[in-house]
Amino acid sequence: MSAEGFPRQINNGKTRAVVRICGDEYIIRGDAEEEYIRHLAAIVDKKMREVQTSHPNQPRHKLALLAAINLADELERMREENKELMELIGEAK
């Protein structure tokens, strides 16, 4: 896929992306394109900021844990929805 479509892996080594999450800068290395890594970091940053708004006095590590739980919940709900849609498709055939 293209950079806009994301997940295209780089075969010749790790990609290095500098990202900012909740005001802190991180260097992320991975097999995906830099744009995709930045996209994922933006999702994490957004979720951390949402949690921080609801829990302004919590330390950063607790905000990160709450953000991770929220993202895991979103993932599970999407997986369940996908499973149900795949079952409907299977029944329609």
Foldseek 3Di string as FASTA:
>chain_A
DDLVVWDDFDDPAWDWEWEAAPRDIDIDIDRTDRSVVNVVSVLLNVLLVVLCVVVVPDDSVVSSVVSVVVVVVVVVVVVVVVVVVVVVVVVVD
